[in-house]
Amino acid sequence: MAEEVRTQTAGNMWKVLVKAGDKVAAGDTLFIMEVMKMEVPHEAPCDGTVKTVEVEEGQEGLDADVVVVVIE
């Protein structure tokens, strides 16, 4: 079953560290958001392979609870 990794809060996408096809382990940092001048890393909740990345690095004005990465 696919696992969706969503934004925890509203902000800007600072860095996307994975692409479709990458293998990840639970705890790996997938992307980093900029929220009120702070870096907020988002980690993989499980081991798997990145199926899709739904946002682009540098994208601004993201809302909370937006799907960013899907892991299978």
N, C-alpha and C. Protein backbone atom coordinates (compact mmCIF):
# COMPACT_ATOMS: atom_id res chain seq x y z
N MET A 1 0.85 -1.19 0.00
CA MET A 1 0.00 0.00 0.00
C MET A 1 0.89 1.25 0.00
N ALA A 2 0.49 2.23 -0.76
CA ALA A 2 1.26 3.47 -0.88
C ALA A 2 1.11 4.31 0.38
N GLU A 3 2.20 4.98 0.75
CA GLU A 3 2.23 5.86 1.92
C GLU A 3 2.44 7.28 1.40
N GLU A 4 1.54 8.20 1.76
CA GLU A 4 1.65 9.60 1.34
C GLU A 4 2.36 10.39 2.43
N VAL A 5 3.35 11.18 2.02
CA VAL A 5 4.04 12.08 2.95
C VAL A 5 3.54 13.48 2.62
N ARG A 6 2.95 14.13 3.62
CA ARG A 6 2.29 15.43 3.42
C ARG A 6 3.03 16.54 4.17
N THR A 7 2.79 17.76 3.74
CA THR A 7 3.36 18.91 4.46
C THR A 7 2.75 18.97 5.85
N GLN A 8 3.58 19.29 6.83
CA GLN A 8 3.11 19.39 8.21
C GLN A 8 2.51 20.75 8.51
N THR A 9 2.94 21.75 7.75
CA THR A 9 2.48 23.11 7.96
C THR A 9 2.59 23.87 6.63
N ALA A 10 2.02 25.03 6.55
CA ALA A 10 2.13 25.85 5.35
C ALA A 10 3.54 26.44 5.26
N GLY A 11 4.02 26.63 4.03
CA GLY A 11 5.34 27.23 3.84
C GLY A 11 5.81 27.06 2.41
N ASN A 12 7.11 27.22 2.21
CA ASN A 12 7.72 27.12 0.89
C ASN A 12 8.59 25.87 0.81
N MET A 13 8.65 25.27 -0.38
CA MET A 13 9.48 24.08 -0.58
C MET A 13 10.91 24.54 -0.84
N TRP A 14 11.79 24.29 0.11
CA TRP A 14 13.18 24.74 -0.01
C TRP A 14 14.01 23.73 -0.79
N LYS A 15 13.98 22.46 -0.38
CA LYS A 15 14.77 21.41 -1.03
C LYS A 15 13.94 20.14 -1.17
N VAL A 16 14.02 19.51 -2.33
CA VAL A 16 13.45 18.18 -2.54
C VAL A 16 14.65 17.26 -2.73
N LEU A 17 14.81 16.27 -1.85
CA LEU A 17 16.01 15.44 -1.83
C LEU A 17 15.84 14.09 -2.50
N VAL A 18 14.64 13.79 -3.01
CA VAL A 18 14.39 12.50 -3.66
C VAL A 18 13.70 12.71 -5.00
N LYS A 19 13.72 11.66 -5.82
CA LYS A 19 13.00 11.67 -7.09
C LYS A 19 12.34 10.31 -7.27
N ALA A 20 11.42 10.21 -8.18
CA ALA A 20 10.73 8.94 -8.45
C ALA A 20 11.77 7.86 -8.75
N GLY A 21 11.58 6.70 -8.13
CA GLY A 21 12.48 5.58 -8.33
C GLY A 21 13.53 5.42 -7.24
N ASP A 22 13.75 6.47 -6.43
CA ASP A 22 14.73 6.38 -5.35
C ASP A 22 14.25 5.43 -4.25
N LYS A 23 15.16 4.64 -3.72
CA LYS A 23 14.86 3.80 -2.56
C LYS A 23 15.12 4.63 -1.31
N VAL A 24 14.21 4.55 -0.33
CA VAL A 24 14.36 5.30 0.92
C VAL A 24 14.15 4.36 2.10
N ALA A 25 14.72 4.74 3.22
CA ALA A 25 14.54 4.01 4.47
C ALA A 25 13.79 4.90 5.45
N ALA A 26 13.07 4.29 6.36
CA ALA A 26 12.35 5.05 7.38
C ALA A 26 13.33 5.98 8.07
N GLY A 27 12.96 7.25 8.18
CA GLY A 27 13.81 8.25 8.83
C GLY A 27 14.65 9.07 7.87
N ASP A 28 14.75 8.65 6.60
CA ASP A 28 15.48 9.45 5.61
C ASP A 28 14.74 10.76 5.38
N THR A 29 15.49 11.86 5.23
CA THR A 29 14.86 13.14 4.92
C THR A 29 14.49 13.17 3.44
N LEU A 30 13.21 13.45 3.17
CA LEU A 30 12.70 13.47 1.81
C LEU A 30 12.71 14.88 1.21
N PHE A 31 12.33 15.84 2.04
CA PHE A 31 12.29 17.24 1.60
C PHE A 31 12.36 18.15 2.81
N ILE A 32 12.74 19.40 2.53
CA ILE A 32 12.86 20.40 3.60
C ILE A 32 12.04 21.62 3.20
N MET A 33 11.17 22.02 4.09
CA MET A 33 10.36 23.22 3.85
C MET A 33 10.95 24.39 4.60
N GLU A 34 10.70 25.59 4.09
CA GLU A 34 11.06 26.82 4.79
C GLU A 34 9.76 27.38 5.37
N VAL A 35 9.74 27.48 6.70
CA VAL A 35 8.55 27.96 7.40
C VAL A 35 8.99 29.06 8.34
N MET A 36 8.58 30.29 8.07
CA MET A 36 8.95 31.44 8.90
C MET A 36 10.46 31.49 9.15
N LYS A 37 11.24 31.35 8.08
CA LYS A 37 12.71 31.42 8.09
C LYS A 37 13.37 30.25 8.81
N MET A 38 12.61 29.21 9.11
CA MET A 38 13.16 28.00 9.73
C MET A 38 13.07 26.85 8.74
N GLU A 39 14.05 25.93 8.80
CA GLU A 39 14.03 24.74 7.97
C GLU A 39 13.27 23.63 8.70
N VAL A 40 12.30 23.02 8.02
CA VAL A 40 11.50 21.96 8.61
C VAL A 40 11.64 20.71 7.73
N PRO A 41 12.49 19.74 8.18
CA PRO A 41 12.66 18.52 7.39
C PRO A 41 11.46 17.58 7.56
N HIS A 42 11.14 16.85 6.50
CA HIS A 42 10.09 15.84 6.52
C HIS A 42 10.74 14.50 6.18
N GLU A 43 10.49 13.50 7.00
CA GLU A 43 11.17 12.21 6.87
C GLU A 43 10.25 11.12 6.35
N ALA A 44 10.87 10.10 5.78
CA ALA A 44 10.12 8.93 5.31
C ALA A 44 9.56 8.17 6.52
N PRO A 45 8.28 7.84 6.50
CA PRO A 45 7.69 7.09 7.61
C PRO A 45 7.95 5.59 7.52
N CYS A 46 8.45 5.14 6.34
CA CYS A 46 8.64 3.71 6.12
C CYS A 46 9.72 3.50 5.06
N ASP A 47 10.19 2.26 4.95
CA ASP A 47 11.09 1.88 3.87
C ASP A 47 10.26 1.73 2.59
N GLY A 48 10.89 1.98 1.44
CA GLY A 48 10.19 1.77 0.18
C GLY A 48 10.86 2.47 -0.97
N THR A 49 10.11 2.60 -2.05
CA THR A 49 10.58 3.27 -3.26
C THR A 49 9.68 4.46 -3.53
N VAL A 50 10.28 5.60 -3.85
CA VAL A 50 9.50 6.80 -4.17
C VAL A 50 8.76 6.57 -5.48
N LYS A 51 7.44 6.65 -5.41
CA LYS A 51 6.61 6.47 -6.60
C LYS A 51 6.48 7.79 -7.35
N THR A 52 6.12 8.85 -6.61
CA THR A 52 5.97 10.18 -7.23
C THR A 52 6.42 11.27 -6.27
N VAL A 53 6.81 12.40 -6.85
CA VAL A 53 7.07 13.64 -6.12
C VAL A 53 6.11 14.66 -6.72
N GLU A 54 5.23 15.19 -5.89
CA GLU A 54 4.11 16.01 -6.39
C GLU A 54 4.38 17.52 -6.40
N VAL A 55 5.51 17.98 -5.86
CA VAL A 55 5.83 19.41 -5.84
C VAL A 55 7.24 19.61 -6.38
N GLU A 56 7.57 20.85 -6.67
CA GLU A 56 8.89 21.18 -7.19
C GLU A 56 9.67 21.98 -6.16
N GLU A 57 10.99 21.80 -6.19
CA GLU A 57 11.86 22.61 -5.35
C GLU A 57 11.65 24.08 -5.70
N GLY A 58 11.56 24.92 -4.68
CA GLY A 58 11.35 26.35 -4.90
C GLY A 58 9.89 26.76 -4.95
N GLN A 59 8.98 25.80 -4.93
CA GLN A 59 7.55 26.12 -4.98
C GLN A 59 7.17 26.88 -3.71
N GLU A 60 6.42 27.95 -3.87
CA GLU A 60 6.05 28.80 -2.73
C GLU A 60 4.56 28.72 -2.44
N GLY A 61 4.22 29.05 -1.20
CA GLY A 61 2.83 29.16 -0.80
C GLY A 61 2.08 27.85 -0.67
N LEU A 62 2.78 26.79 -0.27
CA LEU A 62 2.12 25.50 -0.07
C LEU A 62 1.30 25.52 1.21
N ASP A 63 0.16 24.90 1.18
CA ASP A 63 -0.69 24.77 2.36
C ASP A 63 -0.24 23.58 3.19
N ALA A 64 -0.75 23.49 4.40
CA ALA A 64 -0.54 22.31 5.24
C ALA A 64 -1.33 21.14 4.66
N ASP A 65 -0.86 19.93 4.88
CA ASP A 65 -1.54 18.68 4.49
C ASP A 65 -1.60 18.47 2.98
N VAL A 66 -0.59 18.95 2.25
CA VAL A 66 -0.49 18.72 0.82
C VAL A 66 0.41 17.50 0.60
N VAL A 67 -0.02 16.57 -0.28
CA VAL A 67 0.80 15.40 -0.60
C VAL A 67 2.02 15.86 -1.36
N VAL A 68 3.21 15.48 -0.87
CA VAL A 68 4.46 15.85 -1.53
C VAL A 68 5.12 14.63 -2.15
N VAL A 69 5.23 13.55 -1.39
CA VAL A 69 5.91 12.34 -1.85
C VAL A 69 5.00 11.13 -1.60
N VAL A 70 4.97 10.20 -2.56
CA VAL A 70 4.25 8.94 -2.37
C VAL A 70 5.29 7.83 -2.41
N ILE A 71 5.27 6.99 -1.38
CA ILE A 71 6.23 5.87 -1.25
C ILE A 71 5.46 4.57 -1.36
N GLU A 72 6.03 3.63 -2.14
CA GLU A 72 5.42 2.28 -2.24
C GLU A 72 6.30 1.29 -1.53
